[in-house]
Amino acid sequence: MKIEHELIHRIISSNHLVLIPNFYLGAFECDLFALNKMYNTTEYEIKRSRADFKNDFNKVRGGLFWKDSTKISNKHDQIRLGKRTNRFYFVIEKGLDVEIPDYAGLIEFEVRHTIIFRYIKRAPLLHRNKADQNLINSCLQGFTWRYYKITRQKLFS
């Protein structure tokens, strides 16, 4: 969570309305979801190892998430086809040797006395669709549940 926290701190002042860690967008979780003032969305996927990076391309969902229980969906197919956020970034530790797909951007981080982030490759714009009211409502509902869980933990701990 420390990398997510520092990434939020870095991004928070750069025209964003909403930054949500561990947010479900459809059937797949975003390590960090961002909504900016123009209602464009960005997903940040944090990877700490080559194996973790490779496994991200195998994320599939089906069954209960769709009316057609035979339908299977791959997260990266959805990203590539512009069915998720406007932009997608991998955030990886400096020196991690990975091949970034053309639809993704790359941010490297280095842990020193603080965490340093560097944009290596800017994420391309995958589509021009703005966040709609349903997505904004989902963000608000996510915040409400987080608040509830945090306050509940404090009450009963």
C-alpha atoms as a PDB file:
ATOM      1  CA  MET A   1       0.000   0.000   0.000  1.00  0.00           C
ATOM      2  CA  LYS A   2       2.971   2.356   0.505  1.00  0.00           C
ATOM      3  CA  ILE A   3       3.582   2.675  -3.264  1.00  0.00           C
ATOM      4  CA  GLU A   4      -0.132   3.404  -3.841  1.00  0.00           C
ATOM      5  CA  HIS A   5      -0.091   6.006  -1.067  1.00  0.00           C
ATOM      6  CA  GLU A   6       2.960   7.774  -2.515  1.00  0.00           C
ATOM      7  CA  LEU A   7       1.549   7.606  -6.044  1.00  0.00           C
ATOM      8  CA  ILE A   8      -1.685   9.219  -4.817  1.00  0.00           C
ATOM      9  CA  HIS A   9       0.366  11.919  -3.077  1.00  0.00           C
ATOM     10  CA  ARG A  10       2.272  12.563  -6.319  1.00  0.00           C
ATOM     11  CA  ILE A  11      -0.807  12.672  -8.554  1.00  0.00           C
ATOM     12  CA  ILE A  12      -3.285  14.393  -6.217  1.00  0.00           C
ATOM     13  CA  SER A  13      -2.341  17.941  -7.194  1.00  0.00           C
ATOM     14  CA  SER A  14      -2.379  17.305 -10.937  1.00  0.00           C
ATOM     15  CA  ASN A  15      -5.946  18.147 -11.971  1.00  0.00           C
ATOM     16  CA  HIS A  16      -7.638  15.096 -10.474  1.00  0.00           C
ATOM     17  CA  LEU A  17     -11.013  15.121  -8.771  1.00  0.00           C
ATOM     18  CA  VAL A  18     -10.923  11.545  -7.532  1.00  0.00           C
ATOM     19  CA  LEU A  19      -8.174   9.015  -6.774  1.00  0.00           C
ATOM     20  CA  ILE A  20      -9.322   5.634  -5.465  1.00  0.00           C
ATOM     21  CA  PRO A  21      -6.989   2.762  -4.563  1.00  0.00           C
ATOM     22  CA  ASN A  22      -8.220  -0.800  -5.129  1.00  0.00           C
ATOM     23  CA  PHE A  23     -11.312   0.269  -7.063  1.00  0.00           C
ATOM     24  CA  TYR A  24     -13.369  -2.235  -9.052  1.00  0.00           C
ATOM     25  CA  LEU A  25     -14.158  -1.020 -12.543  1.00  0.00           C
ATOM     26  CA  GLY A  26     -16.472  -3.722 -13.812  1.00  0.00           C
ATOM     27  CA  ALA A  27     -15.121  -7.158 -12.976  1.00  0.00           C
ATOM     28  CA  PHE A  28     -11.488  -6.081 -12.615  1.00  0.00           C
ATOM     29  CA  GLU A  29      -9.754  -4.177  -9.843  1.00  0.00           C
ATOM     30  CA  CYS A  30      -7.596  -1.097 -10.480  1.00  0.00           C
ATOM     31  CA  ASP A  31      -4.652  -0.627  -8.103  1.00  0.00           C
ATOM     32  CA  LEU A  32      -5.337   3.082  -8.489  1.00  0.00           C
ATOM     33  CA  PHE A  33      -8.224   4.679 -10.385  1.00  0.00           C
ATOM     34  CA  ALA A  34      -8.113   8.381 -11.264  1.00  0.00           C
ATOM     35  CA  LEU A  35     -10.822  10.726 -12.531  1.00  0.00           C
ATOM     36  CA  ASN A  36      -9.654  14.168 -13.652  1.00  0.00           C
ATOM     37  CA  LYS A  37     -11.492  17.489 -13.944  1.00  0.00           C
ATOM     38  CA  MET A  38     -12.254  16.814 -17.612  1.00  0.00           C
ATOM     39  CA  TYR A  39     -13.971  13.518 -16.594  1.00  0.00           C
ATOM     40  CA  ASN A  40     -11.255  11.412 -18.215  1.00  0.00           C
ATOM     41  CA  THR A  41     -10.145   8.276 -16.388  1.00  0.00           C
ATOM     42  CA  THR A  42      -6.766   6.631 -15.838  1.00  0.00           C
ATOM     43  CA  GLU A  43      -5.881   3.262 -14.358  1.00  0.00           C
ATOM     44  CA  TYR A  44      -2.530   2.680 -12.631  1.00  0.00           C
ATOM     45  CA  GLU A  45      -1.474  -0.952 -12.201  1.00  0.00           C
ATOM     46  CA  ILE A  46       1.427  -1.397  -9.753  1.00  0.00           C
ATOM     47  CA  LYS A  47       3.778  -4.323 -10.421  1.00  0.00           C
ATOM     48  CA  ARG A  48       6.685  -5.265  -8.169  1.00  0.00           C
ATOM     49  CA  SER A  49       7.989  -8.333 -10.018  1.00  0.00           C
ATOM     50  CA  ARG A  50       8.238  -9.734 -13.527  1.00  0.00           C
ATOM     51  CA  ALA A  51       5.956 -12.641 -12.546  1.00  0.00           C
ATOM     52  CA  ASP A  52       3.329 -10.232 -11.180  1.00  0.00           C
ATOM     53  CA  PHE A  53       3.565  -8.219 -14.417  1.00  0.00           C
ATOM     54  CA  LYS A  54       3.108 -11.326 -16.608  1.00  0.00           C
ATOM     55  CA  ASN A  55       0.198 -12.594 -14.499  1.00  0.00           C
ATOM     56  CA  ASP A  56      -1.695  -9.356 -15.109  1.00  0.00           C
ATOM     57  CA  PHE A  57      -2.194 -10.371 -18.752  1.00  0.00           C
ATOM     58  CA  ASN A  58      -3.929 -13.592 -17.652  1.00  0.00           C
ATOM     59  CA  LYS A  59      -6.698 -11.893 -15.660  1.00  0.00           C
ATOM     60  CA  VAL A  60     -10.039 -13.134 -16.958  1.00  0.00           C
ATOM     61  CA  ARG A  61     -13.563 -13.024 -15.598  1.00  0.00           C
ATOM     62  CA  GLY A  62     -16.751 -14.686 -16.652  1.00  0.00           C
ATOM     63  CA  GLY A  63     -19.838 -16.378 -15.366  1.00  0.00           C
ATOM     64  CA  LEU A  64     -21.515 -14.294 -12.668  1.00  0.00           C
ATOM     65  CA  PHE A  65     -20.218 -11.000 -14.024  1.00  0.00           C
ATOM     66  CA  TRP A  66     -22.262 -11.252 -17.223  1.00  0.00           C
ATOM     67  CA  LYS A  67     -25.760 -12.440 -18.096  1.00  0.00           C
ATOM     68  CA  ASP A  68     -24.214 -14.933 -20.529  1.00  0.00           C
ATOM     69  CA  SER A  69     -22.377 -17.275 -18.153  1.00  0.00           C
ATOM     70  CA  THR A  70     -20.269 -18.648 -21.027  1.00  0.00           C
ATOM     71  CA  LYS A  71     -18.761 -15.231 -21.757  1.00  0.00           C
ATOM     72  CA  ILE A  72     -15.124 -14.821 -20.723  1.00  0.00           C
ATOM     73  CA  SER A  73     -13.355 -11.456 -20.722  1.00  0.00           C
ATOM     74  CA  ASN A  74      -9.640 -10.661 -20.525  1.00  0.00           C
ATOM     75  CA  LYS A  75      -8.732  -7.429 -18.739  1.00  0.00           C
ATOM     76  CA  HIS A  76      -6.048  -6.417 -21.227  1.00  0.00           C
ATOM     77  CA  ASP A  77      -8.295  -7.106 -24.217  1.00  0.00           C
ATOM     78  CA  GLN A  78     -10.780  -4.682 -22.652  1.00  0.00           C
ATOM     79  CA  ILE A  79      -8.040  -2.078 -22.133  1.00  0.00           C
ATOM     80  CA  ARG A  80      -6.668  -2.464 -25.649  1.00  0.00           C
ATOM     81  CA  LEU A  81     -10.153  -2.168 -27.160  1.00  0.00           C
ATOM     82  CA  GLY A  82     -10.901   1.018 -25.183  1.00  0.00           C
ATOM     83  CA  LYS A  83     -13.549  -0.558 -22.944  1.00  0.00           C
ATOM     84  CA  ARG A  84     -12.039   0.582 -19.637  1.00  0.00           C
ATOM     85  CA  THR A  85     -10.244   3.819 -18.755  1.00  0.00           C
ATOM     86  CA  ASN A  86      -9.099   6.552 -21.137  1.00  0.00           C
ATOM     87  CA  ARG A  87      -5.461   5.837 -20.255  1.00  0.00           C
ATOM     88  CA  PHE A  88      -3.643   2.910 -18.654  1.00  0.00           C
ATOM     89  CA  TYR A  89      -0.272   2.933 -16.878  1.00  0.00           C
ATOM     90  CA  PHE A  90       1.942   0.222 -15.487  1.00  0.00           C
ATOM     91  CA  VAL A  91       3.867   1.428 -12.436  1.00  0.00           C
ATOM     92  CA  ILE A  92       6.962  -0.729 -11.929  1.00  0.00           C
ATOM     93  CA  GLU A  93      10.088  -0.743  -9.814  1.00  0.00           C
ATOM     94  CA  LYS A  94      13.129   0.729 -11.577  1.00  0.00           C
ATOM     95  CA  GLY A  95      15.192  -1.949 -13.296  1.00  0.00           C
ATOM     96  CA  LEU A  96      12.327  -4.390 -13.803  1.00  0.00           C
ATOM     97  CA  ASP A  97      12.771  -5.739 -17.341  1.00  0.00           C
ATOM     98  CA  VAL A  98       9.320  -5.898 -18.958  1.00  0.00           C
ATOM     99  CA  GLU A  99       7.812  -5.230 -22.377  1.00  0.00           C
ATOM    100  CA  ILE A 100       5.114  -2.591 -22.218  1.00  0.00           C
ATOM    101  CA  PRO A 101       2.261  -2.998 -24.726  1.00  0.00           C
ATOM    102  CA  ASP A 102       1.648  -0.081 -27.081  1.00  0.00           C
ATOM    103  CA  TYR A 103      -1.691   0.754 -25.400  1.00  0.00           C
ATOM    104  CA  ALA A 104      -0.034   1.297 -22.003  1.00  0.00           C
ATOM    105  CA  GLY A 105       2.133   3.955 -20.426  1.00  0.00           C
ATOM    106  CA  LEU A 106       4.979   3.303 -18.020  1.00  0.00           C
ATOM    107  CA  ILE A 107       5.952   4.938 -14.740  1.00  0.00           C
ATOM    108  CA  GLU A 108       9.018   3.694 -12.876  1.00  0.00           C
ATOM    109  CA  PHE A 109       9.493   4.107  -9.155  1.00  0.00           C
ATOM    110  CA  GLU A 110      12.649   3.956  -7.107  1.00  0.00           C
ATOM    111  CA  VAL A 111      12.731   3.583  -3.346  1.00  0.00           C
ATOM    112  CA  ARG A 112      15.382   5.769  -1.712  1.00  0.00           C
ATOM    113  CA  HIS A 113      14.833   7.925   1.377  1.00  0.00           C
ATOM    114  CA  THR A 114      11.543   8.642  -0.389  1.00  0.00           C
ATOM    115  CA  ILE A 115       9.831   7.097  -3.405  1.00  0.00           C
ATOM    116  CA  ILE A 116      10.725   8.726  -6.719  1.00  0.00           C
ATOM    117  CA  PHE A 117       8.413   8.336  -9.742  1.00  0.00           C
ATOM    118  CA  ARG A 118       9.477   8.904 -13.364  1.00  0.00           C
ATOM    119  CA  TYR A 119       7.265   8.878 -16.443  1.00  0.00           C
ATOM    120  CA  ILE A 120       9.103   6.664 -18.935  1.00  0.00           C
ATOM    121  CA  LYS A 121       6.323   6.389 -21.517  1.00  0.00           C
ATOM    122  CA  ARG A 122       3.153   8.489 -21.601  1.00  0.00           C
ATOM    123  CA  ALA A 123      -0.026   6.452 -21.896  1.00  0.00           C
ATOM    124  CA  PRO A 124      -1.856   6.941 -25.187  1.00  0.00           C
ATOM    125  CA  LEU A 125      -5.465   8.097 -25.235  1.00  0.00           C
ATOM    126  CA  LEU A 126      -7.454   4.875 -25.763  1.00  0.00           C
ATOM    127  CA  HIS A 127     -10.848   6.537 -26.287  1.00  0.00           C
ATOM    128  CA  ARG A 128     -12.502   9.941 -25.822  1.00  0.00           C
ATOM    129  CA  ASN A 129     -15.513   8.841 -23.754  1.00  0.00           C
ATOM    130  CA  LYS A 130     -16.040  10.864 -20.585  1.00  0.00           C
ATOM    131  CA  ALA A 131     -16.976   9.317 -17.251  1.00  0.00           C
ATOM    132  CA  ASP A 132     -20.754   9.129 -17.049  1.00  0.00           C
ATOM    133  CA  GLN A 133     -23.028   9.515 -14.045  1.00  0.00           C
ATOM    134  CA  ASN A 134     -23.043   5.744 -13.431  1.00  0.00           C
ATOM    135  CA  LEU A 135     -19.258   5.709 -13.050  1.00  0.00           C
ATOM    136  CA  ILE A 136     -19.314   8.792 -10.823  1.00  0.00           C
ATOM    137  CA  ASN A 137     -22.016   7.140  -8.682  1.00  0.00           C
ATOM    138  CA  SER A 138     -19.858   4.020  -8.447  1.00  0.00           C
ATOM    139  CA  CYS A 139     -16.949   6.162  -7.204  1.00  0.00           C
ATOM    140  CA  LEU A 140     -19.174   7.791  -4.583  1.00  0.00           C
ATOM    141  CA  GLN A 141     -20.544   4.441  -3.470  1.00  0.00           C
ATOM    142  CA  GLY A 142     -16.985   3.090  -3.204  1.00  0.00           C
ATOM    143  CA  PHE A 143     -16.025   6.003  -0.959  1.00  0.00           C
ATOM    144  CA  THR A 144     -19.110   5.450   1.182  1.00  0.00           C
ATOM    145  CA  TRP A 145     -18.261   1.782   1.737  1.00  0.00           C
ATOM    146  CA  ARG A 146     -14.635   2.632   2.536  1.00  0.00           C
ATOM    147  CA  TYR A 147     -15.749   5.211   5.079  1.00  0.00           C
ATOM    148  CA  TYR A 148     -18.171   2.713   6.609  1.00  0.00           C
ATOM    149  CA  LYS A 149     -15.475   0.018   6.899  1.00  0.00           C
ATOM    150  CA  ILE A 150     -12.941   2.407   8.445  1.00  0.00           C
ATOM    151  CA  THR A 151     -15.376   3.830  10.994  1.00  0.00           C
ATOM    152  CA  ARG A 152     -16.718   0.360  11.816  1.00  0.00           C
ATOM    153  CA  GLN A 153     -13.188  -0.918  12.457  1.00  0.00           C
ATOM    154  CA  LYS A 154     -12.531   2.014  14.783  1.00  0.00           C
ATOM    155  CA  LEU A 155     -15.782   1.427  16.669  1.00  0.00           C
ATOM    156  CA  PHE A 156     -15.153  -2.269  17.229  1.00  0.00           C
ATOM    157  CA  SER A 157     -11.396  -2.336  17.791  1.00  0.00           C
END
